[in-house]
Amino acid sequence: AIPIIVSGGTLFELAASQFIINLRYALMSITLSQKLDSSVSLFDR
């Protein structure tokens, strides 16, 4: 993100790069959600 910010890149450019780079976290969160007990609310997630 730093080079994009410094070079004055667009918000779309910044968002798209972050989406692709961090997409794995969505899969990890789905897997982790199966481990969470009933004390964890939607907001907590």
PDB file of all heavy atoms in Angstrom:
ATOM      1  N   ALA A   1       0.810  -1.224   0.000  1.00  0.00           N
ATOM      2  CA  ALA A   1       0.000   0.000   0.000  1.00  0.00           C
ATOM      3  C   ALA A   1       0.841   1.272   0.000  1.00  0.00           C
ATOM      4  O   ALA A   1       0.441   2.281  -0.590  1.00  0.00           O
ATOM      5  CB  ALA A   1      -0.936   0.003   1.209  1.00  0.00           C
ATOM      6  N   ILE A   2       2.000   1.240   0.659  1.00  0.00           N
ATOM      7  CA  ILE A   2       2.815   2.447   0.795  1.00  0.00           C
ATOM      8  C   ILE A   2       3.189   3.056  -0.563  1.00  0.00           C
ATOM      9  O   ILE A   2       2.991   4.258  -0.776  1.00  0.00           O
ATOM     10  CB  ILE A   2       4.083   2.169   1.636  1.00  0.00           C
ATOM     11  CG1 ILE A   2       3.704   1.773   3.068  1.00  0.00           C
ATOM     12  CG2 ILE A   2       4.989   3.391   1.649  1.00  0.00           C
ATOM     13  CD1 ILE A   2       2.929   2.830   3.818  1.00  0.00           C
ATOM     14  N   PRO A   3       3.735   2.282  -1.509  1.00  0.00           N
ATOM     15  CA  PRO A   3       4.075   2.877  -2.814  1.00  0.00           C
ATOM     16  C   PRO A   3       2.855   3.456  -3.527  1.00  0.00           C
ATOM     17  O   PRO A   3       2.961   4.474  -4.229  1.00  0.00           O
ATOM     18  CB  PRO A   3       4.665   1.699  -3.600  1.00  0.00           C
ATOM     19  CG  PRO A   3       5.146   0.753  -2.557  1.00  0.00           C
ATOM     20  CD  PRO A   3       4.157   0.869  -1.441  1.00  0.00           C
ATOM     21  N   ILE A   4       1.693   2.806  -3.375  1.00  0.00           N
ATOM     22  CA  ILE A   4       0.479   3.304  -4.019  1.00  0.00           C
ATOM     23  C   ILE A   4       0.066   4.639  -3.414  1.00  0.00           C
ATOM     24  O   ILE A   4      -0.291   5.586  -4.121  1.00  0.00           O
ATOM     25  CB  ILE A   4      -0.666   2.278  -3.873  1.00  0.00           C
ATOM     26  CG1 ILE A   4      -0.286   0.948  -4.520  1.00  0.00           C
ATOM     27  CG2 ILE A   4      -1.955   2.815  -4.498  1.00  0.00           C
ATOM     28  CD1 ILE A   4      -1.300  -0.159  -4.312  1.00  0.00           C
ATOM     29  N   ILE A   5       0.132   4.724  -2.094  1.00  0.00           N
ATOM     30  CA  ILE A   5      -0.232   5.962  -1.398  1.00  0.00           C
ATOM     31  C   ILE A   5       0.729   7.085  -1.768  1.00  0.00           C
ATOM     32  O   ILE A   5       0.319   8.205  -2.090  1.00  0.00           O
ATOM     33  CB  ILE A   5      -0.237   5.739   0.125  1.00  0.00           C
ATOM     34  CG1 ILE A   5      -1.343   4.747   0.521  1.00  0.00           C
ATOM     35  CG2 ILE A   5      -0.434   7.058   0.863  1.00  0.00           C
ATOM     36  CD1 ILE A   5      -1.293   4.313   1.972  1.00  0.00           C
ATOM     37  N   VAL A   6       2.017   6.774  -1.727  1.00  0.00           N
ATOM     38  CA  VAL A   6       3.041   7.791  -1.988  1.00  0.00           C
ATOM     39  C   VAL A   6       2.967   8.307  -3.424  1.00  0.00           C
ATOM     40  O   VAL A   6       3.174   9.500  -3.687  1.00  0.00           O
ATOM     41  CB  VAL A   6       4.445   7.226  -1.693  1.00  0.00           C
ATOM     42  CG1 VAL A   6       5.532   8.205  -2.128  1.00  0.00           C
ATOM     43  CG2 VAL A   6       4.591   6.908  -0.209  1.00  0.00           C
ATOM     44  N   SER A   7       2.673   7.405  -4.368  1.00  0.00           N
ATOM     45  CA  SER A   7       2.628   7.802  -5.784  1.00  0.00           C
ATOM     46  C   SER A   7       1.301   8.445  -6.176  1.00  0.00           C
ATOM     47  O   SER A   7       1.113   8.817  -7.336  1.00  0.00           O
ATOM     48  CB  SER A   7       2.889   6.583  -6.674  1.00  0.00           C
ATOM     49  OG  SER A   7       1.862   5.612  -6.510  1.00  0.00           O
ATOM     50  N   GLY A   8       0.362   8.547  -5.218  1.00  0.00           N
ATOM     51  CA  GLY A   8      -0.929   9.165  -5.507  1.00  0.00           C
ATOM     52  C   GLY A   8      -1.866   8.265  -6.290  1.00  0.00           C
ATOM     53  O   GLY A   8      -2.667   8.750  -7.092  1.00  0.00           O
ATOM     54  N   GLY A   9      -1.777   6.962  -6.061  1.00  0.00           N
ATOM     55  CA  GLY A   9      -2.646   6.020  -6.754  1.00  0.00           C
ATOM     56  C   GLY A   9      -4.108   6.201  -6.370  1.00  0.00           C
ATOM     57  O   GLY A   9      -4.428   6.824  -5.349  1.00  0.00           O
ATOM     58  N   THR A  10      -4.998   5.653  -7.176  1.00  0.00           N
ATOM     59  CA  THR A  10      -6.436   5.791  -6.930  1.00  0.00           C
ATOM     60  C   THR A  10      -6.884   4.886  -5.789  1.00  0.00           C
ATOM     61  O   THR A  10      -6.208   3.902  -5.442  1.00  0.00           O
ATOM     62  CB  THR A  10      -7.233   5.433  -8.193  1.00  0.00           C
ATOM     63  OG1 THR A  10      -7.020   4.047  -8.505  1.00  0.00           O
ATOM     64  CG2 THR A  10      -6.786   6.282  -9.381  1.00  0.00           C
ATOM     65  N   LEU A  11      -8.042   5.209  -5.214  1.00  0.00           N
ATOM     66  CA  LEU A  11      -8.604   4.383  -4.151  1.00  0.00           C
ATOM     67  C   LEU A  11      -8.966   3.000  -4.673  1.00  0.00           C
ATOM     68  O   LEU A  11      -8.838   1.999  -3.955  1.00  0.00           O
ATOM     69  CB  LEU A  11      -9.840   5.064  -3.554  1.00  0.00           C
ATOM     70  CG  LEU A  11      -9.583   6.341  -2.746  1.00  0.00           C
ATOM     71  CD1 LEU A  11     -10.908   6.958  -2.297  1.00  0.00           C
ATOM     72  CD2 LEU A  11      -8.705   6.053  -1.542  1.00  0.00           C
ATOM     73  N   PHE A  12      -9.423   2.925  -5.915  1.00  0.00           N
ATOM     74  CA  PHE A  12      -9.750   1.623  -6.511  1.00  0.00           C
ATOM     75  C   PHE A  12      -8.501   0.759  -6.608  1.00  0.00           C
ATOM     76  O   PHE A  12      -8.524  -0.441  -6.303  1.00  0.00           O
ATOM     77  CB  PHE A  12     -10.364   1.805  -7.896  1.00  0.00           C
ATOM     78  CG  PHE A  12     -10.571   0.502  -8.634  1.00  0.00           C
ATOM     79  CD1 PHE A  12     -11.641  -0.319  -8.314  1.00  0.00           C
ATOM     80  CD2 PHE A  12      -9.670   0.084  -9.602  1.00  0.00           C
ATOM     81  CE1 PHE A  12     -11.828  -1.536  -8.973  1.00  0.00           C
ATOM     82  CE2 PHE A  12      -9.847  -1.125 -10.268  1.00  0.00           C
ATOM     83  CZ  PHE A  12     -10.928  -1.930  -9.945  1.00  0.00           C
ATOM     84  N   GLU A  13      -7.405   1.365  -7.037  1.00  0.00           N
ATOM     85  CA  GLU A  13      -6.133   0.660  -7.142  1.00  0.00           C
ATOM     86  C   GLU A  13      -5.701   0.121  -5.788  1.00  0.00           C
ATOM     87  O   GLU A  13      -5.280  -1.036  -5.657  1.00  0.00           O
ATOM     88  CB  GLU A  13      -5.089   1.629  -7.696  1.00  0.00           C
ATOM     89  CG  GLU A  13      -3.722   1.035  -7.927  1.00  0.00           C
ATOM     90  CD  GLU A  13      -2.736   2.070  -8.426  1.00  0.00           C
ATOM     91  OE1 GLU A  13      -3.157   3.201  -8.721  1.00  0.00           O
ATOM     92  OE2 GLU A  13      -1.536   1.741  -8.517  1.00  0.00           O
ATOM     93  N   LEU A  14      -5.838   0.948  -4.771  1.00  0.00           N
ATOM     94  CA  LEU A  14      -5.460   0.553  -3.416  1.00  0.00           C
ATOM     95  C   LEU A  14      -6.358  -0.565  -2.893  1.00  0.00           C
ATOM     96  O   LEU A  14      -5.880  -1.558  -2.347  1.00  0.00           O
ATOM     97  CB  LEU A  14      -5.540   1.764  -2.488  1.00  0.00           C
ATOM     98  CG  LEU A  14      -5.134   1.563  -1.026  1.00  0.00           C
ATOM     99  CD1 LEU A  14      -3.671   1.134  -0.926  1.00  0.00           C
ATOM    100  CD2 LEU A  14      -5.356   2.833  -0.230  1.00  0.00           C
ATOM    101  N   ALA A  15      -7.659  -0.408  -3.093  1.00  0.00           N
ATOM    102  CA  ALA A  15      -8.619  -1.404  -2.601  1.00  0.00           C
ATOM    103  C   ALA A  15      -8.459  -2.739  -3.316  1.00  0.00           C
ATOM    104  O   ALA A  15      -8.502  -3.808  -2.685  1.00  0.00           O
ATOM    105  CB  ALA A  15     -10.045  -0.883  -2.770  1.00  0.00           C
ATOM    106  N   ALA A  16      -8.262  -2.699  -4.627  1.00  0.00           N
ATOM    107  CA  ALA A  16      -8.132  -3.934  -5.408  1.00  0.00           C
ATOM    108  C   ALA A  16      -6.880  -4.711  -5.015  1.00  0.00           C
ATOM    109  O   ALA A  16      -6.915  -5.937  -4.883  1.00  0.00           O
ATOM    110  CB  ALA A  16      -8.104  -3.604  -6.902  1.00  0.00           C
ATOM    111  N   SER A  17      -5.769  -3.996  -4.818  1.00  0.00           N
ATOM    112  CA  SER A  17      -4.532  -4.671  -4.428  1.00  0.00           C
ATOM    113  C   SER A  17      -4.681  -5.312  -3.049  1.00  0.00           C
ATOM    114  O   SER A  17      -4.226  -6.439  -2.821  1.00  0.00           O
ATOM    115  CB  SER A  17      -3.359  -3.688  -4.441  1.00  0.00           C
ATOM    116  OG  SER A  17      -3.549  -2.662  -3.482  1.00  0.00           O
ATOM    117  N   GLN A  18      -5.330  -4.614  -2.119  1.00  0.00           N
ATOM    118  CA  GLN A  18      -5.527  -5.156  -0.777  1.00  0.00           C
ATOM    119  C   GLN A  18      -6.467  -6.356  -0.800  1.00  0.00           C
ATOM    120  O   GLN A  18      -6.277  -7.332  -0.062  1.00  0.00           O
ATOM    121  CB  GLN A  18      -6.083  -4.079   0.152  1.00  0.00           C
ATOM    122  CG  GLN A  18      -5.144  -2.918   0.396  1.00  0.00           C
ATOM    123  CD  GLN A  18      -3.798  -3.357   0.937  1.00  0.00           C
ATOM    124  OE1 GLN A  18      -3.709  -4.004   1.972  1.00  0.00           O
ATOM    125  NE2 GLN A  18      -2.727  -3.024   0.224  1.00  0.00           N
ATOM    126  N   PHE A  19      -7.472  -6.294  -1.642  1.00  0.00           N
ATOM    127  CA  PHE A  19      -8.430  -7.399  -1.744  1.00  0.00           C
ATOM    128  C   PHE A  19      -7.736  -8.683  -2.183  1.00  0.00           C
ATOM    129  O   PHE A  19      -7.941  -9.755  -1.597  1.00  0.00           O
ATOM    130  CB  PHE A  19      -9.544  -7.039  -2.724  1.00  0.00           C
ATOM    131  CG  PHE A  19     -10.518  -8.155  -2.976  1.00  0.00           C
ATOM    132  CD1 PHE A  19     -11.513  -8.448  -2.062  1.00  0.00           C
ATOM    133  CD2 PHE A  19     -10.426  -8.932  -4.124  1.00  0.00           C
ATOM    134  CE1 PHE A  19     -12.403  -9.489  -2.280  1.00  0.00           C
ATOM    135  CE2 PHE A  19     -11.304  -9.975  -4.356  1.00  0.00           C
ATOM    136  CZ  PHE A  19     -12.301 -10.247  -3.435  1.00  0.00           C
ATOM    137  N   ILE A  20      -6.886  -8.577  -3.194  1.00  0.00           N
ATOM    138  CA  ILE A  20      -6.214  -9.757  -3.728  1.00  0.00           C
ATOM    139  C   ILE A  20      -5.163 -10.276  -2.749  1.00  0.00           C
ATOM    140  O   ILE A  20      -5.065 -11.483  -2.495  1.00  0.00           O
ATOM    141  CB  ILE A  20      -5.574  -9.436  -5.089  1.00  0.00           C
ATOM    142  CG1 ILE A  20      -6.672  -9.155  -6.130  1.00  0.00           C
ATOM    143  CG2 ILE A  20      -4.695 -10.587  -5.570  1.00  0.00           C
ATOM    144  CD1 ILE A  20      -6.164  -8.710  -7.469  1.00  0.00           C
ATOM    145  N   ILE A  21      -4.375  -9.354  -2.201  1.00  0.00           N
ATOM    146  CA  ILE A  21      -3.304  -9.763  -1.289  1.00  0.00           C
ATOM    147  C   ILE A  21      -3.864 -10.428  -0.034  1.00  0.00           C
ATOM    148  O   ILE A  21      -3.312 -11.410   0.469  1.00  0.00           O
ATOM    149  CB  ILE A  21      -2.443  -8.540  -0.887  1.00  0.00           C
ATOM    150  CG1 ILE A  21      -1.652  -8.041  -2.096  1.00  0.00           C
ATOM    151  CG2 ILE A  21      -1.500  -8.879   0.262  1.00  0.00           C
ATOM    152  CD1 ILE A  21      -0.925  -6.730  -1.850  1.00  0.00           C
ATOM    153  N   ASN A  22      -4.982  -9.920   0.472  1.00  0.00           N
ATOM    154  CA  ASN A  22      -5.525 -10.392   1.755  1.00  0.00           C
ATOM    155  C   ASN A  22      -6.716 -11.345   1.613  1.00  0.00           C
ATOM    156  O   ASN A  22      -7.392 -11.631   2.607  1.00  0.00           O
ATOM    157  CB  ASN A  22      -5.939  -9.190   2.608  1.00  0.00           C
ATOM    158  CG  ASN A  22      -4.772  -8.274   2.922  1.00  0.00           C
ATOM    159  OD1 ASN A  22      -3.712  -8.743   3.311  1.00  0.00           O
ATOM    160  ND2 ASN A  22      -4.953  -6.969   2.742  1.00  0.00           N
ATOM    161  N   LEU A  23      -6.941 -11.833   0.404  1.00  0.00           N
ATOM    162  CA  LEU A  23      -8.098 -12.704   0.183  1.00  0.00           C
ATOM    163  C   LEU A  23      -8.038 -13.970   1.022  1.00  0.00           C
ATOM    164  O   LEU A  23      -9.075 -14.510   1.428  1.00  0.00           O
ATOM    165  CB  LEU A  23      -8.198 -13.057  -1.307  1.00  0.00           C
ATOM    166  CG  LEU A  23      -9.432 -13.836  -1.754  1.00  0.00           C
ATOM    167  CD1 LEU A  23     -10.699 -13.054  -1.437  1.00  0.00           C
ATOM    168  CD2 LEU A  23      -9.357 -14.157  -3.245  1.00  0.00           C
ATOM    169  N   ARG A  24      -6.826 -14.422   1.305  1.00  0.00           N
ATOM    170  CA  ARG A  24      -6.686 -15.668   2.081  1.00  0.00           C
ATOM    171  C   ARG A  24      -7.293 -15.547   3.473  1.00  0.00           C
ATOM    172  O   ARG A  24      -7.725 -16.543   4.061  1.00  0.00           O
ATOM    173  CB  ARG A  24      -5.214 -16.058   2.190  1.00  0.00           C
ATOM    174  CG  ARG A  24      -4.390 -15.192   3.128  1.00  0.00           C
ATOM    175  CD  ARG A  24      -2.922 -15.607   3.088  1.00  0.00           C
ATOM    176  NE  ARG A  24      -2.131 -14.939   4.109  1.00  0.00           N
ATOM    177  CZ  ARG A  24      -1.674 -13.701   4.014  1.00  0.00           C
ATOM    178  NH1 ARG A  24      -1.954 -12.984   2.926  1.00  0.00           N
ATOM    179  NH2 ARG A  24      -0.946 -13.183   4.977  1.00  0.00           N
ATOM    180  N   TYR A  25      -7.334 -14.334   4.008  1.00  0.00           N
ATOM    181  CA  TYR A  25      -7.885 -14.150   5.350  1.00  0.00           C
ATOM    182  C   TYR A  25      -9.376 -14.480   5.403  1.00  0.00           C
ATOM    183  O   TYR A  25      -9.884 -14.895   6.443  1.00  0.00           O
ATOM    184  CB  TYR A  25      -7.662 -12.717   5.829  1.00  0.00           C
ATOM    185  CG  TYR A  25      -6.216 -12.390   6.094  1.00  0.00           C
ATOM    186  CD1 TYR A  25      -5.616 -11.261   5.540  1.00  0.00           C
ATOM    187  CD2 TYR A  25      -5.423 -13.218   6.884  1.00  0.00           C
ATOM    188  CE1 TYR A  25      -4.279 -10.964   5.773  1.00  0.00           C
ATOM    189  CE2 TYR A  25      -4.096 -12.931   7.127  1.00  0.00           C
ATOM    190  CZ  TYR A  25      -3.529 -11.801   6.574  1.00  0.00           C
ATOM    191  OH  TYR A  25      -2.209 -11.515   6.804  1.00  0.00           O
ATOM    192  N   ALA A  26     -10.072 -14.287   4.288  1.00  0.00           N
ATOM    193  CA  ALA A  26     -11.499 -14.625   4.242  1.00  0.00           C
ATOM    194  C   ALA A  26     -11.683 -16.135   4.404  1.00  0.00           C
ATOM    195  O   ALA A  26     -12.560 -16.593   5.145  1.00  0.00           O
ATOM    196  CB  ALA A  26     -12.111 -14.144   2.928  1.00  0.00           C
ATOM    197  N   LEU A  27     -10.829 -16.897   3.725  1.00  0.00           N
ATOM    198  CA  LEU A  27     -10.903 -18.355   3.830  1.00  0.00           C
ATOM    199  C   LEU A  27     -10.527 -18.818   5.237  1.00  0.00           C
ATOM    200  O   LEU A  27     -11.144 -19.737   5.792  1.00  0.00           O
ATOM    201  CB  LEU A  27      -9.968 -18.990   2.797  1.00  0.00           C
ATOM    202  CG  LEU A  27     -10.222 -18.601   1.333  1.00  0.00           C
ATOM    203  CD1 LEU A  27      -9.179 -19.238   0.419  1.00  0.00           C
ATOM    204  CD2 LEU A  27     -11.623 -19.013   0.904  1.00  0.00           C
ATOM    205  N   MET A  28      -9.526 -18.168   5.816  1.00  0.00           N
ATOM    206  CA  MET A  28      -9.116 -18.519   7.173  1.00  0.00           C
ATOM    207  C   MET A  28     -10.214 -18.200   8.178  1.00  0.00           C
ATOM    208  O   MET A  28     -10.443 -18.962   9.133  1.00  0.00           O
ATOM    209  CB  MET A  28      -7.830 -17.766   7.527  1.00  0.00           C
ATOM    210  CG  MET A  28      -6.604 -18.276   6.796  1.00  0.00           C
ATOM    211  SD  MET A  28      -5.223 -17.098   6.767  1.00  0.00           S
ATOM    212  CE  MET A  28      -5.042 -16.743   8.494  1.00  0.00           C
ATOM    213  N   SER A  29     -10.909 -17.088   7.979  1.00  0.00           N
ATOM    214  CA  SER A  29     -11.988 -16.704   8.890  1.00  0.00           C
ATOM    215  C   SER A  29     -13.149 -17.683   8.815  1.00  0.00           C
ATOM    216  O   SER A  29     -13.775 -18.000   9.824  1.00  0.00           O
ATOM    217  CB  SER A  29     -12.470 -15.285   8.567  1.00  0.00           C
ATOM    218  OG  SER A  29     -11.470 -14.325   8.856  1.00  0.00           O
ATOM    219  N   ILE A  30     -13.435 -18.152   7.609  1.00  0.00           N
ATOM    220  CA  ILE A  30     -14.509 -19.143   7.441  1.00  0.00           C
ATOM    221  C   ILE A  30     -14.168 -20.421   8.211  1.00  0.00           C
ATOM    222  O   ILE A  30     -15.013 -21.008   8.898  1.00  0.00           O
ATOM    223  CB  ILE A  30     -14.729 -19.457   5.952  1.00  0.00           C
ATOM    224  CG1 ILE A  30     -15.305 -18.223   5.239  1.00  0.00           C
ATOM    225  CG2 ILE A  30     -15.658 -20.652   5.781  1.00  0.00           C
ATOM    226  CD1 ILE A  30     -15.408 -18.381   3.739  1.00  0.00           C
ATOM    227  N   THR A  31     -12.915 -20.838   8.096  1.00  0.00           N
ATOM    228  CA  THR A  31     -12.476 -22.046   8.800  1.00  0.00           C
ATOM    229  C   THR A  31     -12.503 -21.844  10.312  1.00  0.00           C
ATOM    230  O   THR A  31     -12.985 -22.704  11.060  1.00  0.00           O
ATOM    231  CB  THR A  31     -11.043 -22.423   8.359  1.00  0.00           C
ATOM    232  OG1 THR A  31     -11.024 -22.610   6.944  1.00  0.00           O
ATOM    233  CG2 THR A  31     -10.588 -23.698   9.046  1.00  0.00           C
ATOM    234  N   LEU A  32     -12.004 -20.682  10.762  1.00  0.00           N
ATOM    235  CA  LEU A  32     -11.961 -20.414  12.198  1.00  0.00           C
ATOM    236  C   LEU A  32     -13.360 -20.315  12.795  1.00  0.00           C
ATOM    237  O   LEU A  32     -13.567 -20.676  13.962  1.00  0.00           O
ATOM    238  CB  LEU A  32     -11.194 -19.110  12.458  1.00  0.00           C
ATOM    239  CG  LEU A  32     -11.038 -18.688  13.925  1.00  0.00           C
ATOM    240  CD1 LEU A  32     -10.303 -19.771  14.724  1.00  0.00           C
ATOM    241  CD2 LEU A  32     -10.303 -17.356  14.034  1.00  0.00           C
ATOM    242  N   SER A  33     -14.315 -19.853  12.010  1.00  0.00           N
ATOM    243  CA  SER A  33     -15.681 -19.697  12.525  1.00  0.00           C
ATOM    244  C   SER A  33     -16.264 -21.020  13.007  1.00  0.00           C
ATOM    245  O   SER A  33     -17.158 -21.040  13.859  1.00  0.00           O
ATOM    246  CB  SER A  33     -16.582 -19.091  11.442  1.00  0.00           C
ATOM    247  OG  SER A  33     -16.754 -19.988  10.360  1.00  0.00           O
ATOM    248  N   GLN A  34     -15.748 -22.134  12.467  1.00  0.00           N
ATOM    249  CA  GLN A  34     -16.229 -23.443  12.882  1.00  0.00           C
ATOM    250  C   GLN A  34     -15.725 -23.818  14.279  1.00  0.00           C
ATOM    251  O   GLN A  34     -16.251 -24.734  14.909  1.00  0.00           O
ATOM    252  CB  GLN A  34     -15.776 -24.517  11.876  1.00  0.00           C
ATOM    253  CG  GLN A  34     -16.075 -24.188  10.424  1.00  0.00           C
ATOM    254  CD  GLN A  34     -17.536 -23.908  10.175  1.00  0.00           C
ATOM    255  OE1 GLN A  34     -18.391 -24.684  10.584  1.00  0.00           O
ATOM    256  NE2 GLN A  34     -17.840 -22.807   9.501  1.00  0.00           N
ATOM    257  N   LYS A  35     -14.700 -23.105  14.749  1.00  0.00           N
ATOM    258  CA  LYS A  35     -14.116 -23.385  16.058  1.00  0.00           C
ATOM    259  C   LYS A  35     -14.734 -22.530  17.165  1.00  0.00           C
ATOM    260  O   LYS A  35     -14.527 -22.803  18.348  1.00  0.00           O
ATOM    261  CB  LYS A  35     -12.609 -23.102  16.025  1.00  0.00           C
ATOM    262  CG  LYS A  35     -11.805 -24.047  15.148  1.00  0.00           C
ATOM    263  CD  LYS A  35     -11.431 -25.291  15.900  1.00  0.00           C
ATOM    264  CE  LYS A  35     -10.484 -26.166  15.098  1.00  0.00           C
ATOM    265  NZ  LYS A  35     -10.033 -27.346  15.871  1.00  0.00           N
ATOM    266  N   LEU A  36     -15.444 -21.462  16.788  1.00  0.00           N
ATOM    267  CA  LEU A  36     -15.964 -20.520  17.780  1.00  0.00           C
ATOM    268  C   LEU A  36     -17.209 -21.086  18.469  1.00  0.00           C
ATOM    269  O   LEU A  36     -18.092 -21.625  17.806  1.00  0.00           O
ATOM    270  CB  LEU A  36     -16.299 -19.196  17.099  1.00  0.00           C
ATOM    271  CG  LEU A  36     -15.142 -18.518  16.338  1.00  0.00           C
ATOM    272  CD1 LEU A  36     -15.613 -17.236  15.678  1.00  0.00           C
ATOM    273  CD2 LEU A  36     -13.976 -18.247  17.282  1.00  0.00           C
ATOM    274  N   ASP A  37     -17.268 -20.931  19.788  1.00  0.00           N
ATOM    275  CA  ASP A  37     -18.423 -21.454  20.522  1.00  0.00           C
ATOM    276  C   ASP A  37     -19.571 -20.443  20.550  1.00  0.00           C
ATOM    277  O   ASP A  37     -19.486 -19.369  19.938  1.00  0.00           O
ATOM    278  CB  ASP A  37     -18.024 -21.892  21.937  1.00  0.00           C
ATOM    279  CG  ASP A  37     -17.560 -20.721  22.802  1.00  0.00           C
ATOM    280  OD1 ASP A  37     -17.913 -19.561  22.499  1.00  0.00           O
ATOM    281  OD2 ASP A  37     -16.851 -20.963  23.801  1.00  0.00           O
ATOM    282  N   SER A  38     -20.625 -20.781  21.265  1.00  0.00           N
ATOM    283  CA  SER A  38     -21.849 -19.970  21.267  1.00  0.00           C
ATOM    284  C   SER A  38     -21.684 -18.611  21.940  1.00  0.00           C
ATOM    285  O   SER A  38     -22.543 -17.738  21.803  1.00  0.00           O
ATOM    286  CB  SER A  38     -22.984 -20.747  21.955  1.00  0.00           C
ATOM    287  OG  SER A  38     -22.615 -21.097  23.285  1.00  0.00           O
ATOM    288  N   SER A  39     -20.588 -18.403  22.680  1.00  0.00           N
ATOM    289  CA  SER A  39     -20.375 -17.112  23.351  1.00  0.00           C
ATOM    290  C   SER A  39     -19.961 -16.017  22.376  1.00  0.00           C
ATOM    291  O   SER A  39     -19.976 -14.829  22.717  1.00  0.00           O
ATOM    292  CB  SER A  39     -19.300 -17.259  24.440  1.00  0.00           C
ATOM    293  OG  SER A  39     -18.024 -17.513  23.871  1.00  0.00           O
ATOM    294  N   VAL A  40     -19.595 -16.396  21.160  1.00  0.00           N
ATOM    295  CA  VAL A  40     -19.112 -15.436  20.164  1.00  0.00           C
ATOM    296  C   VAL A  40     -20.283 -14.963  19.308  1.00  0.00           C
ATOM    297  O   VAL A  40     -20.854 -15.738  18.541  1.00  0.00           O
ATOM    298  CB  VAL A  40     -18.023 -16.065  19.268  1.00  0.00           C
ATOM    299  CG1 VAL A  40     -17.461 -15.011  18.310  1.00  0.00           C
ATOM    300  CG2 VAL A  40     -16.914 -16.669  20.114  1.00  0.00           C
ATOM    301  N   SER A  41     -20.635 -13.682  19.444  1.00  0.00           N
ATOM    302  CA  SER A  41     -21.746 -13.116  18.669  1.00  0.00           C
ATOM    303  C   SER A  41     -21.279 -12.713  17.273  1.00  0.00           C
ATOM    304  O   SER A  41     -20.077 -12.765  16.968  1.00  0.00           O
ATOM    305  CB  SER A  41     -22.307 -11.886  19.394  1.00  0.00           C
ATOM    306  OG  SER A  41     -21.349 -10.833  19.396  1.00  0.00           O
ATOM    307  N   LEU A  42     -22.210 -12.284  16.445  1.00  0.00           N
ATOM    308  CA  LEU A  42     -21.873 -11.841  15.089  1.00  0.00           C
ATOM    309  C   LEU A  42     -20.937 -10.638  15.131  1.00  0.00           C
ATOM    310  O   LEU A  42     -19.958 -10.567  14.383  1.00  0.00           O
ATOM    311  CB  LEU A  42     -23.150 -11.483  14.313  1.00  0.00           C
ATOM    312  CG  LEU A  42     -22.946 -10.956  12.884  1.00  0.00           C
ATOM    313  CD1 LEU A  42     -22.253 -12.008  12.021  1.00  0.00           C
ATOM    314  CD2 LEU A  42     -24.292 -10.559  12.266  1.00  0.00           C
ATOM    315  N   PHE A  43     -21.209  -9.688  16.020  1.00  0.00           N
ATOM    316  CA  PHE A  43     -20.351  -8.510  16.151  1.00  0.00           C
ATOM    317  C   PHE A  43     -18.951  -8.901  16.610  1.00  0.00           C
ATOM    318  O   PHE A  43     -17.945  -8.341  16.141  1.00  0.00           O
ATOM    319  CB  PHE A  43     -20.974  -7.515  17.139  1.00  0.00           C
ATOM    320  CG  PHE A  43     -20.168  -6.258  17.309  1.00  0.00           C
ATOM    321  CD1 PHE A  43     -20.139  -5.303  16.305  1.00  0.00           C
ATOM    322  CD2 PHE A  43     -19.445  -6.037  18.475  1.00  0.00           C
ATOM    323  CE1 PHE A  43     -19.381  -4.138  16.452  1.00  0.00           C
ATOM    324  CE2 PHE A  43     -18.698  -4.877  18.639  1.00  0.00           C
ATOM    325  CZ  PHE A  43     -18.668  -3.932  17.619  1.00  0.00           C
ATOM    326  N   ASP A  44     -18.877  -9.881  17.532  1.00  0.00           N
ATOM    327  CA  ASP A  44     -17.582 -10.366  18.007  1.00  0.00           C
ATOM    328  C   ASP A  44     -16.766 -10.949  16.851  1.00  0.00           C
ATOM    329  O   ASP A  44     -15.546 -10.782  16.793  1.00  0.00           O
ATOM    330  CB  ASP A  44     -17.766 -11.442  19.078  1.00  0.00           C
ATOM    331  CG  ASP A  44     -18.407 -10.890  20.343  1.00  0.00           C
ATOM    332  OD1 ASP A  44     -18.264  -9.680  20.602  1.00  0.00           O
ATOM    333  OD2 ASP A  44     -19.064 -11.675  21.056  1.00  0.00           O
ATOM    334  N   ARG A  45     -17.448 -11.619  15.942  1.00  0.00           N
ATOM    335  CA  ARG A  45     -16.760 -12.243  14.807  1.00  0.00           C
ATOM    336  C   ARG A  45     -16.096 -11.198  13.917  1.00  0.00           C
ATOM    337  O   ARG A  45     -15.004 -11.423  13.378  1.00  0.00           O
ATOM    338  CB  ARG A  45     -17.748 -13.082  13.987  1.00  0.00           C
ATOM    339  CG  ARG A  45     -18.217 -14.340  14.723  1.00  0.00           C
ATOM    340  CD  ARG A  45     -19.363 -15.019  13.999  1.00  0.00           C
ATOM    341  NE  ARG A  45     -19.869 -16.149  14.768  1.00  0.00           N
ATOM    342  CZ  ARG A  45     -19.529 -17.421  14.556  1.00  0.00           C
ATOM    343  NH1 ARG A  45     -18.687 -17.710  13.590  1.00  0.00           N
ATOM    344  NH2 ARG A  45     -20.025 -18.383  15.297  1.00  0.00           N
TER     345      ARG A  45
END
